[in-house]
Each structure stands twice: as C-alpha cells, then as structure tokens.
Amino acid sequence: MRSVGFRLVALVASVLVVGFGIALMVSAELGVAPADVLSTGGAERLEIGVGTMGWISGAVFTVLAWVLGRPPQWGTIGGTVLVGFAVNVSLSLVPEPQALAWRVPMLIVGLALIYLSISVGVSTMLGTGPIELLMLALSDRGVSVQVSRWGIEALVFAGGVALGGQIGVGTLVFVLATGPVLARTMPPFVKFMGTTVLDRPTGLDA
C-alpha cells in the first residue's frame, strides 16, 4: 500500500481537481452532474454559492451512508469542505463563453476531470466523496457499483430538477456514463494505491 502521505496528497489533489471540473461544467451551461443539478438549483433558491449548497447536500449523503453502515472518514469530511471552496473559487475564475465551440470542450474536460478525481479519491481509502460513500454503502449491501450509482444519480437529479437546477446534455451523459466508467476506472487506481476500497472502512479514525 502507498504511504499515507502519498495518498493524502493524491486525495487533496483529486478534491481540488473535481472542484475545477464541476466549475467547468457549470460555466459551459450544457448540463451538470445530478448532484450539481441539486447544488445549482438549491443555490439559486437559497441565494448561496453552488459550493456552499454542495456542503449541505454532502452532509445529507454522508449521514445516509453512515446509517447504511459506511461511516465517514476524516477525508470525507475535509474533502467535502475543500471541494465547496474549490467550486466557489473556480467559478469566479472560469469564463462563461457563449460560443458552442468553447462550451462543448469545457463540458468534456469537466467530465473527464471529475471521473479521474473520483477514481483517485476513492482509491486512496482516506475518505471518499459523500456520494461515493453512499455508493459504496449500497455496494456493501449487494448492489453493484453501476446500479447504485445510477439509483443515486436518478434521485438526486429529480430533486435538482424540482429546485430548478441546471440540466442539459451533460447531465444525461453523466447519468448514463458514470456507473460504467467508475466500474472500470476505479480498479486500476485501487491496484496502484494498493488499497482494498471495497472492504468496509473503520470510520473516522481509519
């Protein structure tokens, strides 16, 4: 297994990168991930930052995962706070082009960065993101990674739509592709890190 220091650096980097990826998708205005549909809708309704709304929804997902038997680690809590800051800061820096020729690449790059970051972050076993924690909690109970991810995304998407969140082709791509993509990208990173992410974590002191 890679050292704790190596995995901690990887986790922090993945959190910062996923925040930038989310900002790219939001600024492209072609649809965001279901969790971010919820964040954009909630942020508009509550008149708060998208990253700030992410803190609120992240807390809910974390509690649900904990109830299902996947307690959070310090990395889950710290990562949730850090990604909220990363999104808010990135949104203030990323431009909002009108031309589709710029917006489509922004969407694609944003998706790729998010998938890469999720795979790296989960593989460190220092604390996955709230949604990934819930996904693994369902996996512990016999639900496949693909099915659990699809189910979570569908429920979060419905809530986001009800709140008037940003939706589009990017949302559809994320919903359909995330389960299959993560099922294939996580194993190589887990192997590289030398971790056993599908085993139950021991909680905050893991």
N, C-alpha and C. Protein backbone atom coordinates (compact mmCIF):
# COMPACT_ATOMS: atom_id res chain seq x y z
N MET A 1 0.84 -1.20 0.00
CA MET A 1 0.00 0.00 0.00
C MET A 1 0.88 1.25 0.00
N ARG A 2 0.46 2.24 -0.80
CA ARG A 2 1.20 3.51 -0.83
C ARG A 2 1.14 4.17 0.55
N SER A 3 2.14 4.99 0.83
CA SER A 3 2.21 5.63 2.14
C SER A 3 1.02 6.56 2.35
N VAL A 4 0.72 6.84 3.62
CA VAL A 4 -0.38 7.74 3.95
C VAL A 4 -0.13 9.12 3.36
N GLY A 5 1.13 9.57 3.41
CA GLY A 5 1.47 10.88 2.87
C GLY A 5 1.18 10.96 1.38
N PHE A 6 1.56 9.93 0.64
CA PHE A 6 1.32 9.89 -0.81
C PHE A 6 -0.17 9.92 -1.09
N ARG A 7 -0.93 9.11 -0.35
CA ARG A 7 -2.37 9.03 -0.58
C ARG A 7 -3.08 10.31 -0.16
N LEU A 8 -2.56 10.97 0.88
CA LEU A 8 -3.16 12.24 1.32
C LEU A 8 -2.99 13.32 0.26
N VAL A 9 -1.80 13.39 -0.32
CA VAL A 9 -1.55 14.35 -1.40
C VAL A 9 -2.47 14.06 -2.59
N ALA A 10 -2.62 12.77 -2.92
CA ALA A 10 -3.48 12.37 -4.02
C ALA A 10 -4.93 12.74 -3.75
N LEU A 11 -5.36 12.57 -2.50
CA LEU A 11 -6.74 12.90 -2.14
C LEU A 11 -6.99 14.40 -2.26
N VAL A 12 -6.09 15.21 -1.71
CA VAL A 12 -6.26 16.66 -1.76
C VAL A 12 -6.27 17.14 -3.22
N ALA A 13 -5.35 16.59 -4.02
CA ALA A 13 -5.29 16.97 -5.44
C ALA A 13 -6.59 16.60 -6.15
N SER A 14 -7.11 15.42 -5.85
CA SER A 14 -8.34 14.97 -6.51
C SER A 14 -9.52 15.87 -6.13
N VAL A 15 -9.55 16.30 -4.89
CA VAL A 15 -10.64 17.18 -4.44
C VAL A 15 -10.59 18.52 -5.16
N LEU A 16 -9.40 19.09 -5.27
CA LEU A 16 -9.25 20.37 -5.95
C LEU A 16 -9.60 20.26 -7.43
N VAL A 17 -9.17 19.15 -8.05
CA VAL A 17 -9.44 18.95 -9.47
C VAL A 17 -10.93 18.73 -9.72
N VAL A 18 -11.59 17.98 -8.86
CA VAL A 18 -13.03 17.77 -9.07
C VAL A 18 -13.79 19.08 -8.92
N GLY A 19 -13.33 19.96 -8.03
CA GLY A 19 -13.96 21.27 -7.90
C GLY A 19 -13.83 22.08 -9.18
N PHE A 20 -12.66 22.00 -9.81
CA PHE A 20 -12.44 22.71 -11.08
C PHE A 20 -13.29 22.09 -12.18
N GLY A 21 -13.39 20.75 -12.18
CA GLY A 21 -14.20 20.07 -13.18
C GLY A 21 -15.66 20.46 -13.08
N ILE A 22 -16.17 20.55 -11.86
CA ILE A 22 -17.56 20.98 -11.64
C ILE A 22 -17.76 22.40 -12.17
N ALA A 23 -16.80 23.28 -11.89
CA ALA A 23 -16.89 24.67 -12.34
C ALA A 23 -16.91 24.75 -13.86
N LEU A 24 -16.11 23.92 -14.52
CA LEU A 24 -16.11 23.90 -15.99
C LEU A 24 -17.48 23.51 -16.53
N MET A 25 -18.09 22.49 -15.93
CA MET A 25 -19.40 22.05 -16.40
C MET A 25 -20.48 23.10 -16.13
N VAL A 26 -20.42 23.74 -14.98
CA VAL A 26 -21.40 24.78 -14.66
C VAL A 26 -21.27 25.95 -15.64
N SER A 27 -20.02 26.36 -15.91
CA SER A 27 -19.78 27.51 -16.79
C SER A 27 -20.10 27.20 -18.25
N ALA A 28 -19.98 25.91 -18.65
CA ALA A 28 -20.31 25.52 -20.02
C ALA A 28 -21.81 25.63 -20.29
N GLU A 29 -22.61 25.54 -19.23
CA GLU A 29 -24.07 25.65 -19.32
C GLU A 29 -24.67 24.66 -20.32
N LEU A 30 -24.15 23.44 -20.31
CA LEU A 30 -24.68 22.38 -21.16
C LEU A 30 -25.19 21.22 -20.31
N GLY A 31 -25.36 21.49 -19.03
CA GLY A 31 -25.82 20.45 -18.13
C GLY A 31 -24.72 20.02 -17.18
N VAL A 32 -25.08 19.81 -15.93
CA VAL A 32 -24.10 19.42 -14.92
C VAL A 32 -24.47 18.05 -14.36
N ALA A 33 -23.58 17.51 -13.53
CA ALA A 33 -23.85 16.23 -12.88
C ALA A 33 -25.08 16.36 -11.99
N PRO A 34 -25.82 15.25 -11.79
CA PRO A 34 -27.05 15.32 -10.97
C PRO A 34 -26.85 15.97 -9.61
N ALA A 35 -25.74 15.66 -8.94
CA ALA A 35 -25.50 16.29 -7.63
C ALA A 35 -25.37 17.79 -7.78
N ASP A 36 -24.83 18.22 -8.92
CA ASP A 36 -24.65 19.64 -9.15
C ASP A 36 -25.92 20.29 -9.69
N VAL A 37 -26.82 19.48 -10.28
CA VAL A 37 -28.15 19.99 -10.60
C VAL A 37 -28.82 20.39 -9.30
N LEU A 38 -28.67 19.51 -8.31
CA LEU A 38 -29.20 19.81 -6.97
C LEU A 38 -28.53 21.04 -6.38
N SER A 39 -27.20 21.13 -6.54
CA SER A 39 -26.45 22.26 -5.97
C SER A 39 -26.81 23.58 -6.65
N THR A 40 -26.91 23.56 -7.99
CA THR A 40 -27.24 24.80 -8.71
C THR A 40 -28.67 25.24 -8.40
N GLY A 41 -29.59 24.26 -8.32
CA GLY A 41 -30.98 24.60 -8.00
C GLY A 41 -31.12 25.10 -6.58
N GLY A 42 -30.50 24.39 -5.64
CA GLY A 42 -30.58 24.82 -4.25
C GLY A 42 -29.90 26.15 -4.02
N ALA A 43 -28.77 26.37 -4.70
CA ALA A 43 -28.05 27.63 -4.55
C ALA A 43 -28.89 28.81 -5.01
N GLU A 44 -29.60 28.60 -6.13
CA GLU A 44 -30.44 29.69 -6.65
C GLU A 44 -31.62 29.96 -5.72
N ARG A 45 -32.23 28.91 -5.22
CA ARG A 45 -33.38 29.07 -4.33
C ARG A 45 -33.00 29.72 -3.01
N LEU A 46 -31.84 29.32 -2.48
CA LEU A 46 -31.41 29.82 -1.17
C LEU A 46 -30.52 31.06 -1.28
N GLU A 47 -30.16 31.41 -2.53
CA GLU A 47 -29.29 32.56 -2.79
C GLU A 47 -27.94 32.41 -2.07
N ILE A 48 -27.33 31.24 -2.28
CA ILE A 48 -26.00 30.96 -1.74
C ILE A 48 -25.12 30.45 -2.86
N GLY A 49 -23.82 30.24 -2.59
CA GLY A 49 -22.91 29.74 -3.60
C GLY A 49 -23.19 28.28 -3.94
N VAL A 50 -22.82 27.87 -5.16
CA VAL A 50 -23.00 26.48 -5.57
C VAL A 50 -22.20 25.55 -4.66
N GLY A 51 -20.97 25.95 -4.34
CA GLY A 51 -20.15 25.15 -3.45
C GLY A 51 -20.73 25.06 -2.05
N THR A 52 -21.35 26.13 -1.60
CA THR A 52 -21.97 26.14 -0.27
C THR A 52 -23.14 25.17 -0.23
N MET A 53 -23.94 25.15 -1.29
CA MET A 53 -25.04 24.19 -1.37
C MET A 53 -24.49 22.77 -1.41
N GLY A 54 -23.32 22.61 -2.01
CA GLY A 54 -22.67 21.30 -2.05
C GLY A 54 -22.34 20.80 -0.65
N TRP A 55 -21.98 21.72 0.25
CA TRP A 55 -21.72 21.33 1.64
C TRP A 55 -22.98 20.76 2.28
N ILE A 56 -24.11 21.40 2.02
CA ILE A 56 -25.37 20.97 2.63
C ILE A 56 -25.77 19.59 2.12
N SER A 57 -25.77 19.42 0.80
CA SER A 57 -26.16 18.13 0.23
C SER A 57 -25.16 17.04 0.60
N GLY A 58 -23.87 17.40 0.66
CA GLY A 58 -22.85 16.43 1.04
C GLY A 58 -23.07 15.89 2.44
N ALA A 59 -23.50 16.76 3.33
CA ALA A 59 -23.78 16.34 4.70
C ALA A 59 -24.93 15.32 4.73
N VAL A 60 -25.93 15.54 3.90
CA VAL A 60 -27.07 14.62 3.84
C VAL A 60 -26.63 13.25 3.32
N PHE A 61 -25.83 13.23 2.24
CA PHE A 61 -25.37 11.96 1.68
C PHE A 61 -24.50 11.20 2.68
N THR A 62 -23.68 11.95 3.40
CA THR A 62 -22.78 11.32 4.37
C THR A 62 -23.57 10.65 5.49
N VAL A 63 -24.58 11.33 5.98
CA VAL A 63 -25.42 10.76 7.04
C VAL A 63 -26.13 9.50 6.54
N LEU A 64 -26.65 9.53 5.32
CA LEU A 64 -27.33 8.36 4.75
C LEU A 64 -26.38 7.17 4.66
N ALA A 65 -25.14 7.43 4.18
CA ALA A 65 -24.16 6.35 4.06
C ALA A 65 -23.82 5.79 5.44
N TRP A 66 -23.71 6.66 6.41
CA TRP A 66 -23.39 6.23 7.78
C TRP A 66 -24.49 5.33 8.33
N VAL A 67 -25.74 5.73 8.08
CA VAL A 67 -26.89 4.94 8.53
C VAL A 67 -26.86 3.55 7.89
N LEU A 68 -26.38 3.47 6.63
CA LEU A 68 -26.32 2.20 5.91
C LEU A 68 -25.07 1.39 6.26
N GLY A 69 -24.22 1.91 7.14
CA GLY A 69 -23.06 1.14 7.59
C GLY A 69 -21.71 1.56 7.05
N ARG A 70 -21.65 2.65 6.29
CA ARG A 70 -20.37 3.16 5.79
C ARG A 70 -20.05 4.46 6.52
N PRO A 71 -19.39 4.41 7.67
CA PRO A 71 -19.08 5.65 8.39
C PRO A 71 -18.09 6.51 7.62
N PRO A 72 -18.19 7.82 7.74
CA PRO A 72 -17.25 8.69 7.04
C PRO A 72 -15.87 8.66 7.67
N GLN A 73 -14.88 8.99 6.87
CA GLN A 73 -13.52 9.17 7.37
C GLN A 73 -13.23 10.66 7.39
N TRP A 74 -12.12 11.02 8.01
CA TRP A 74 -11.77 12.45 8.06
C TRP A 74 -11.64 13.03 6.66
N GLY A 75 -11.16 12.20 5.72
CA GLY A 75 -11.01 12.68 4.35
C GLY A 75 -12.34 13.02 3.70
N THR A 76 -13.39 12.29 4.07
CA THR A 76 -14.72 12.58 3.53
C THR A 76 -15.19 13.95 3.98
N ILE A 77 -15.04 14.22 5.26
CA ILE A 77 -15.49 15.49 5.82
C ILE A 77 -14.63 16.65 5.31
N GLY A 78 -13.30 16.47 5.39
CA GLY A 78 -12.40 17.52 4.92
C GLY A 78 -12.54 17.77 3.43
N GLY A 79 -12.70 16.67 2.68
CA GLY A 79 -12.84 16.80 1.23
C GLY A 79 -14.10 17.53 0.83
N THR A 80 -15.19 17.27 1.56
CA THR A 80 -16.46 17.94 1.27
C THR A 80 -16.33 19.44 1.47
N VAL A 81 -15.67 19.83 2.54
CA VAL A 81 -15.46 21.26 2.81
C VAL A 81 -14.56 21.87 1.74
N LEU A 82 -13.46 21.18 1.42
CA LEU A 82 -12.49 21.71 0.46
C LEU A 82 -13.07 21.82 -0.94
N VAL A 83 -13.87 20.83 -1.36
CA VAL A 83 -14.41 20.89 -2.72
C VAL A 83 -15.40 22.04 -2.86
N GLY A 84 -16.12 22.36 -1.76
CA GLY A 84 -17.02 23.51 -1.81
C GLY A 84 -16.26 24.80 -2.07
N PHE A 85 -15.13 24.97 -1.38
CA PHE A 85 -14.28 26.15 -1.62
C PHE A 85 -13.74 26.13 -3.05
N ALA A 86 -13.30 24.95 -3.51
CA ALA A 86 -12.73 24.83 -4.85
C ALA A 86 -13.74 25.22 -5.92
N VAL A 87 -14.98 24.81 -5.74
CA VAL A 87 -16.03 25.15 -6.71
C VAL A 87 -16.28 26.65 -6.70
N ASN A 88 -16.46 27.23 -5.52
CA ASN A 88 -16.74 28.67 -5.44
C ASN A 88 -15.62 29.51 -6.04
N VAL A 89 -14.37 29.14 -5.72
CA VAL A 89 -13.22 29.89 -6.25
C VAL A 89 -13.10 29.69 -7.76
N SER A 90 -13.23 28.44 -8.23
CA SER A 90 -13.08 28.15 -9.66
C SER A 90 -14.15 28.87 -10.48
N LEU A 91 -15.37 28.92 -9.97
CA LEU A 91 -16.44 29.60 -10.71
C LEU A 91 -16.16 31.09 -10.89
N SER A 92 -15.42 31.65 -9.96
CA SER A 92 -15.07 33.07 -10.08
C SER A 92 -13.95 33.30 -11.10
N LEU A 93 -13.25 32.23 -11.47
CA LEU A 93 -12.12 32.34 -12.39
C LEU A 93 -12.42 31.82 -13.79
N VAL A 94 -13.30 30.83 -13.89
CA VAL A 94 -13.58 30.21 -15.20
C VAL A 94 -14.52 31.10 -16.00
N PRO A 95 -14.18 31.38 -17.27
CA PRO A 95 -15.04 32.22 -18.10
C PRO A 95 -16.33 31.50 -18.48
N GLU A 96 -17.31 32.25 -18.96
CA GLU A 96 -18.59 31.69 -19.40
C GLU A 96 -18.79 32.06 -20.87
N PRO A 97 -18.12 31.33 -21.78
CA PRO A 97 -18.20 31.66 -23.21
C PRO A 97 -19.60 31.38 -23.78
N GLN A 98 -19.96 32.12 -24.80
CA GLN A 98 -21.23 31.92 -25.47
C GLN A 98 -21.12 30.92 -26.63
N ALA A 99 -19.94 30.86 -27.24
CA ALA A 99 -19.74 30.00 -28.41
C ALA A 99 -19.75 28.52 -28.03
N LEU A 100 -20.51 27.73 -28.78
CA LEU A 100 -20.61 26.30 -28.52
C LEU A 100 -19.26 25.61 -28.72
N ALA A 101 -18.44 26.20 -29.60
CA ALA A 101 -17.12 25.62 -29.88
C ALA A 101 -16.23 25.60 -28.64
N TRP A 102 -16.50 26.48 -27.68
CA TRP A 102 -15.76 26.51 -26.42
C TRP A 102 -16.49 25.72 -25.33
N ARG A 103 -17.80 25.80 -25.34
CA ARG A 103 -18.59 25.19 -24.27
C ARG A 103 -18.55 23.66 -24.31
N VAL A 104 -18.56 23.08 -25.50
CA VAL A 104 -18.51 21.61 -25.61
C VAL A 104 -17.20 21.05 -25.07
N PRO A 105 -16.03 21.60 -25.48
CA PRO A 105 -14.78 21.11 -24.88
C PRO A 105 -14.73 21.30 -23.36
N MET A 106 -15.30 22.40 -22.87
CA MET A 106 -15.33 22.62 -21.42
C MET A 106 -16.13 21.52 -20.72
N LEU A 107 -17.23 21.13 -21.34
CA LEU A 107 -18.05 20.06 -20.79
C LEU A 107 -17.28 18.74 -20.76
N ILE A 108 -16.63 18.41 -21.87
CA ILE A 108 -15.89 17.15 -21.99
C ILE A 108 -14.74 17.09 -21.00
N VAL A 109 -13.98 18.19 -20.92
CA VAL A 109 -12.84 18.24 -19.99
C VAL A 109 -13.35 18.16 -18.55
N GLY A 110 -14.44 18.86 -18.26
CA GLY A 110 -15.00 18.82 -16.92
C GLY A 110 -15.40 17.41 -16.51
N LEU A 111 -16.06 16.69 -17.41
CA LEU A 111 -16.45 15.31 -17.15
C LEU A 111 -15.23 14.43 -16.89
N ALA A 112 -14.22 14.56 -17.75
CA ALA A 112 -13.01 13.74 -17.62
C ALA A 112 -12.31 14.00 -16.29
N LEU A 113 -12.22 15.26 -15.89
CA LEU A 113 -11.57 15.61 -14.63
C LEU A 113 -12.33 15.06 -13.43
N ILE A 114 -13.65 15.12 -13.51
CA ILE A 114 -14.47 14.61 -12.40
C ILE A 114 -14.30 13.09 -12.27
N TYR A 115 -14.35 12.37 -13.39
CA TYR A 115 -14.19 10.91 -13.34
C TYR A 115 -12.81 10.52 -12.81
N LEU A 116 -11.79 11.21 -13.29
CA LEU A 116 -10.43 10.94 -12.84
C LEU A 116 -10.30 11.21 -11.35
N SER A 117 -10.85 12.32 -10.90
CA SER A 117 -10.73 12.71 -9.49
C SER A 117 -11.47 11.75 -8.57
N ILE A 118 -12.66 11.33 -8.99
CA ILE A 118 -13.42 10.38 -8.17
C ILE A 118 -12.64 9.08 -8.02
N SER A 119 -12.08 8.58 -9.13
CA SER A 119 -11.34 7.32 -9.10
C SER A 119 -10.12 7.41 -8.20
N VAL A 120 -9.39 8.51 -8.29
CA VAL A 120 -8.21 8.70 -7.46
C VAL A 120 -8.61 8.85 -6.00
N GLY A 121 -9.60 9.70 -5.74
CA GLY A 121 -10.02 9.95 -4.36
C GLY A 121 -10.51 8.70 -3.66
N VAL A 122 -11.34 7.91 -4.34
CA VAL A 122 -11.86 6.68 -3.75
C VAL A 122 -10.73 5.70 -3.47
N SER A 123 -9.79 5.60 -4.40
CA SER A 123 -8.70 4.61 -4.28
C SER A 123 -7.76 4.89 -3.11
N THR A 124 -7.72 6.13 -2.62
CA THR A 124 -6.82 6.44 -1.51
C THR A 124 -7.28 5.82 -0.20
N MET A 125 -8.56 5.53 -0.09
CA MET A 125 -9.15 5.00 1.14
C MET A 125 -8.93 5.91 2.34
N LEU A 126 -8.78 7.20 2.08
CA LEU A 126 -8.66 8.17 3.16
C LEU A 126 -9.94 8.96 3.32
N GLY A 127 -10.94 8.60 2.56
CA GLY A 127 -12.22 9.30 2.64
C GLY A 127 -12.74 9.64 1.28
N THR A 128 -13.77 8.93 0.83
CA THR A 128 -14.36 9.20 -0.47
C THR A 128 -15.33 10.38 -0.36
N GLY A 129 -15.77 10.87 -1.50
CA GLY A 129 -16.78 11.91 -1.50
C GLY A 129 -18.10 11.37 -0.96
N PRO A 130 -19.00 12.25 -0.52
CA PRO A 130 -20.27 11.81 0.08
C PRO A 130 -21.09 10.88 -0.80
N ILE A 131 -21.20 11.20 -2.09
CA ILE A 131 -21.98 10.35 -2.99
C ILE A 131 -21.29 9.01 -3.19
N GLU A 132 -19.95 9.05 -3.32
CA GLU A 132 -19.21 7.79 -3.49
C GLU A 132 -19.31 6.94 -2.23
N LEU A 133 -19.35 7.59 -1.07
CA LEU A 133 -19.50 6.88 0.20
C LEU A 133 -20.86 6.16 0.23
N LEU A 134 -21.89 6.85 -0.22
CA LEU A 134 -23.22 6.24 -0.27
C LEU A 134 -23.25 5.11 -1.30
N MET A 135 -22.58 5.30 -2.42
CA MET A 135 -22.49 4.27 -3.46
C MET A 135 -21.84 3.01 -2.90
N LEU A 136 -20.76 3.17 -2.14
CA LEU A 136 -20.07 2.03 -1.55
C LEU A 136 -20.90 1.39 -0.44
N ALA A 137 -21.68 2.21 0.27
CA ALA A 137 -22.55 1.66 1.31
C ALA A 137 -23.59 0.74 0.69
N LEU A 138 -24.12 1.13 -0.45
CA LEU A 138 -25.09 0.28 -1.16
C LEU A 138 -24.40 -0.96 -1.72
N SER A 139 -23.14 -0.77 -2.18
CA SER A 139 -22.37 -1.90 -2.68
C SER A 139 -22.13 -2.93 -1.59
N ASP A 140 -21.90 -2.46 -0.37
CA ASP A 140 -21.73 -3.36 0.78
C ASP A 140 -22.95 -4.24 0.98
N ARG A 141 -24.10 -3.73 0.57
CA ARG A 141 -25.35 -4.46 0.77
C ARG A 141 -25.77 -5.26 -0.47
N GLY A 142 -24.82 -5.43 -1.39
CA GLY A 142 -25.06 -6.31 -2.52
C GLY A 142 -25.50 -5.64 -3.81
N VAL A 143 -25.57 -4.31 -3.82
CA VAL A 143 -25.96 -3.60 -5.03
C VAL A 143 -24.69 -3.28 -5.83
N SER A 144 -24.70 -3.53 -7.13
CA SER A 144 -23.50 -3.28 -7.93
C SER A 144 -23.18 -1.80 -7.97
N VAL A 145 -21.91 -1.49 -8.26
CA VAL A 145 -21.48 -0.09 -8.34
C VAL A 145 -22.30 0.66 -9.38
N GLN A 146 -22.49 0.04 -10.55
CA GLN A 146 -23.23 0.70 -11.62
C GLN A 146 -24.66 1.01 -11.20
N VAL A 147 -25.36 0.01 -10.66
CA VAL A 147 -26.77 0.18 -10.29
C VAL A 147 -26.92 1.18 -9.15
N SER A 148 -26.06 1.08 -8.14
CA SER A 148 -26.16 2.00 -7.01
C SER A 148 -25.90 3.44 -7.46
N ARG A 149 -24.92 3.62 -8.33
CA ARG A 149 -24.63 4.97 -8.81
C ARG A 149 -25.80 5.52 -9.62
N TRP A 150 -26.34 4.69 -10.50
CA TRP A 150 -27.49 5.13 -11.30
C TRP A 150 -28.67 5.52 -10.40
N GLY A 151 -28.94 4.71 -9.39
CA GLY A 151 -30.05 4.99 -8.48
C GLY A 151 -29.87 6.30 -7.75
N ILE A 152 -28.65 6.53 -7.22
CA ILE A 152 -28.36 7.78 -6.50
C ILE A 152 -28.50 8.97 -7.43
N GLU A 153 -27.90 8.85 -8.64
CA GLU A 153 -27.95 9.96 -9.58
C GLU A 153 -29.39 10.30 -9.96
N ALA A 154 -30.23 9.27 -10.13
CA ALA A 154 -31.62 9.50 -10.53
C ALA A 154 -32.37 10.26 -9.45
N LEU A 155 -32.19 9.86 -8.19
CA LEU A 155 -32.89 10.52 -7.09
C LEU A 155 -32.42 11.97 -6.91
N VAL A 156 -31.10 12.15 -6.99
CA VAL A 156 -30.54 13.50 -6.82
C VAL A 156 -30.98 14.40 -7.98
N PHE A 157 -31.00 13.82 -9.18
CA PHE A 157 -31.42 14.57 -10.36
C PHE A 157 -32.86 15.05 -10.21
N ALA A 158 -33.73 14.16 -9.74
CA ALA A 158 -35.14 14.53 -9.56
C ALA A 158 -35.28 15.69 -8.57
N GLY A 159 -34.51 15.63 -7.49
CA GLY A 159 -34.54 16.71 -6.52
C GLY A 159 -34.03 18.01 -7.11
N GLY A 160 -32.96 17.91 -7.91
CA GLY A 160 -32.39 19.10 -8.54
C GLY A 160 -33.33 19.75 -9.53
N VAL A 161 -34.02 18.92 -10.32
CA VAL A 161 -34.99 19.44 -11.29
C VAL A 161 -36.13 20.16 -10.57
N ALA A 162 -36.58 19.58 -9.46
CA ALA A 162 -37.66 20.19 -8.68
C ALA A 162 -37.26 21.57 -8.17
N LEU A 163 -35.95 21.75 -7.93
CA LEU A 163 -35.46 23.04 -7.42
C LEU A 163 -35.07 24.00 -8.55
N GLY A 164 -35.18 23.53 -9.80
CA GLY A 164 -34.86 24.39 -10.93
C GLY A 164 -33.38 24.43 -11.27
N GLY A 165 -32.66 23.35 -10.98
CA GLY A 165 -31.22 23.29 -11.26
C GLY A 165 -30.89 23.22 -12.73
N GLN A 166 -29.61 23.43 -13.04
CA GLN A 166 -29.14 23.44 -14.42
C GLN A 166 -29.10 22.02 -14.99
N ILE A 167 -29.83 21.78 -16.08
CA ILE A 167 -29.81 20.47 -16.73
C ILE A 167 -29.52 20.63 -18.22
N GLY A 168 -29.07 19.55 -18.85
CA GLY A 168 -28.76 19.58 -20.26
C GLY A 168 -28.17 18.26 -20.69
N VAL A 169 -27.55 18.25 -21.87
CA VAL A 169 -26.99 17.02 -22.40
C VAL A 169 -25.88 16.48 -21.50
N GLY A 170 -25.16 17.37 -20.84
CA GLY A 170 -24.09 16.94 -19.94
C GLY A 170 -24.63 16.14 -18.77
N THR A 171 -25.83 16.49 -18.33
CA THR A 171 -26.47 15.77 -17.23
C THR A 171 -26.79 14.34 -17.66
N LEU A 172 -27.36 14.20 -18.86
CA LEU A 172 -27.71 12.88 -19.39
C LEU A 172 -26.47 12.01 -19.55
N VAL A 173 -25.41 12.60 -20.10
CA VAL A 173 -24.16 11.85 -20.28
C VAL A 173 -23.62 11.38 -18.93
N PHE A 174 -23.65 12.27 -17.95
CA PHE A 174 -23.14 11.92 -16.62
C PHE A 174 -23.93 10.78 -16.00
N VAL A 175 -25.27 10.87 -16.09
CA VAL A 175 -26.12 9.83 -15.50
C VAL A 175 -25.86 8.47 -16.13
N LEU A 176 -25.77 8.43 -17.45
CA LEU A 176 -25.60 7.16 -18.15
C LEU A 176 -24.18 6.61 -18.08
N ALA A 177 -23.20 7.49 -18.05
CA ALA A 177 -21.80 7.04 -18.15
C ALA A 177 -21.10 6.81 -16.83
N THR A 178 -21.53 7.50 -15.77
CA THR A 178 -20.76 7.46 -14.53
C THR A 178 -20.61 6.07 -13.94
N GLY A 179 -21.71 5.31 -13.84
CA GLY A 179 -21.63 3.96 -13.28
C GLY A 179 -20.65 3.07 -14.03
N PRO A 180 -20.85 2.92 -15.36
CA PRO A 180 -19.92 2.09 -16.14
C PRO A 180 -18.48 2.59 -16.13
N VAL A 181 -18.31 3.93 -16.19
CA VAL A 181 -16.95 4.49 -16.21
C VAL A 181 -16.24 4.19 -14.90
N LEU A 182 -16.88 4.47 -13.77
CA LEU A 182 -16.24 4.24 -12.47
C LEU A 182 -15.99 2.76 -12.22
N ALA A 183 -16.87 1.90 -12.72
CA ALA A 183 -16.67 0.46 -12.54
C ALA A 183 -15.40 0.00 -13.23
N ARG A 184 -14.94 0.77 -14.23
CA ARG A 184 -13.75 0.40 -14.98
C ARG A 184 -12.52 1.21 -14.59
N THR A 185 -12.72 2.44 -14.14
CA THR A 185 -11.56 3.28 -13.80
C THR A 185 -11.09 3.11 -12.37
N MET A 186 -11.98 2.75 -11.45
CA MET A 186 -11.57 2.61 -10.06
C MET A 186 -10.60 1.45 -9.82
N PRO A 187 -10.83 0.25 -10.39
CA PRO A 187 -9.92 -0.88 -10.11
C PRO A 187 -8.45 -0.60 -10.40
N PRO A 188 -8.08 0.02 -11.55
CA PRO A 188 -6.66 0.28 -11.79
C PRO A 188 -6.03 1.21 -10.75
N PHE A 189 -6.79 2.23 -10.32
CA PHE A 189 -6.27 3.15 -9.32
C PHE A 189 -6.17 2.49 -7.95
N VAL A 190 -7.14 1.64 -7.63
CA VAL A 190 -7.10 0.90 -6.38
C VAL A 190 -5.87 0.00 -6.36
N LYS A 191 -5.59 -0.65 -7.50
CA LYS A 191 -4.41 -1.52 -7.60
C LYS A 191 -3.13 -0.71 -7.44
N PHE A 192 -3.08 0.47 -8.08
CA PHE A 192 -1.90 1.33 -7.99
C PHE A 192 -1.65 1.78 -6.56
N MET A 193 -2.73 2.15 -5.87
CA MET A 193 -2.61 2.61 -4.48
C MET A 193 -2.35 1.45 -3.52
N GLY A 194 -2.69 0.24 -3.95
CA GLY A 194 -2.51 -0.92 -3.08
C GLY A 194 -3.54 -0.98 -1.97
N THR A 195 -4.72 -0.42 -2.21
CA THR A 195 -5.77 -0.39 -1.19
C THR A 195 -6.84 -1.45 -1.50
N THR A 196 -7.77 -1.57 -0.57
CA THR A 196 -8.89 -2.51 -0.73
C THR A 196 -10.17 -1.75 -0.45
N VAL A 197 -10.53 -0.86 -1.35
CA VAL A 197 -11.60 0.09 -1.13
C VAL A 197 -12.96 -0.57 -0.95
N LEU A 198 -13.14 -1.76 -1.47
CA LEU A 198 -14.44 -2.40 -1.33
C LEU A 198 -14.64 -3.09 0.00
N ASP A 199 -13.57 -3.11 0.83
CA ASP A 199 -13.74 -3.57 2.20
C ASP A 199 -14.36 -2.46 3.03
N ARG A 200 -15.03 -2.82 4.09
CA ARG A 200 -15.65 -1.79 4.93
C ARG A 200 -14.57 -0.96 5.64
N PRO A 201 -14.68 0.39 5.60
CA PRO A 201 -13.76 1.23 6.36
C PRO A 201 -14.11 1.19 7.83
N THR A 202 -13.19 1.61 8.67
CA THR A 202 -13.42 1.56 10.10
C THR A 202 -13.95 2.85 10.69
N GLY A 203 -14.12 3.86 9.85
CA GLY A 203 -14.74 5.09 10.34
C GLY A 203 -13.80 6.27 10.38
N LEU A 204 -14.09 7.21 11.24
CA LEU A 204 -13.35 8.48 11.28
C LEU A 204 -11.88 8.30 11.61
N ASP A 205 -11.53 7.23 12.30
CA ASP A 205 -10.14 7.06 12.68
C ASP A 205 -9.38 6.14 11.73
N ALA A 206 -9.97 5.86 10.57
CA ALA A 206 -9.32 4.94 9.62
C ALA A 206 -8.12 5.62 8.99
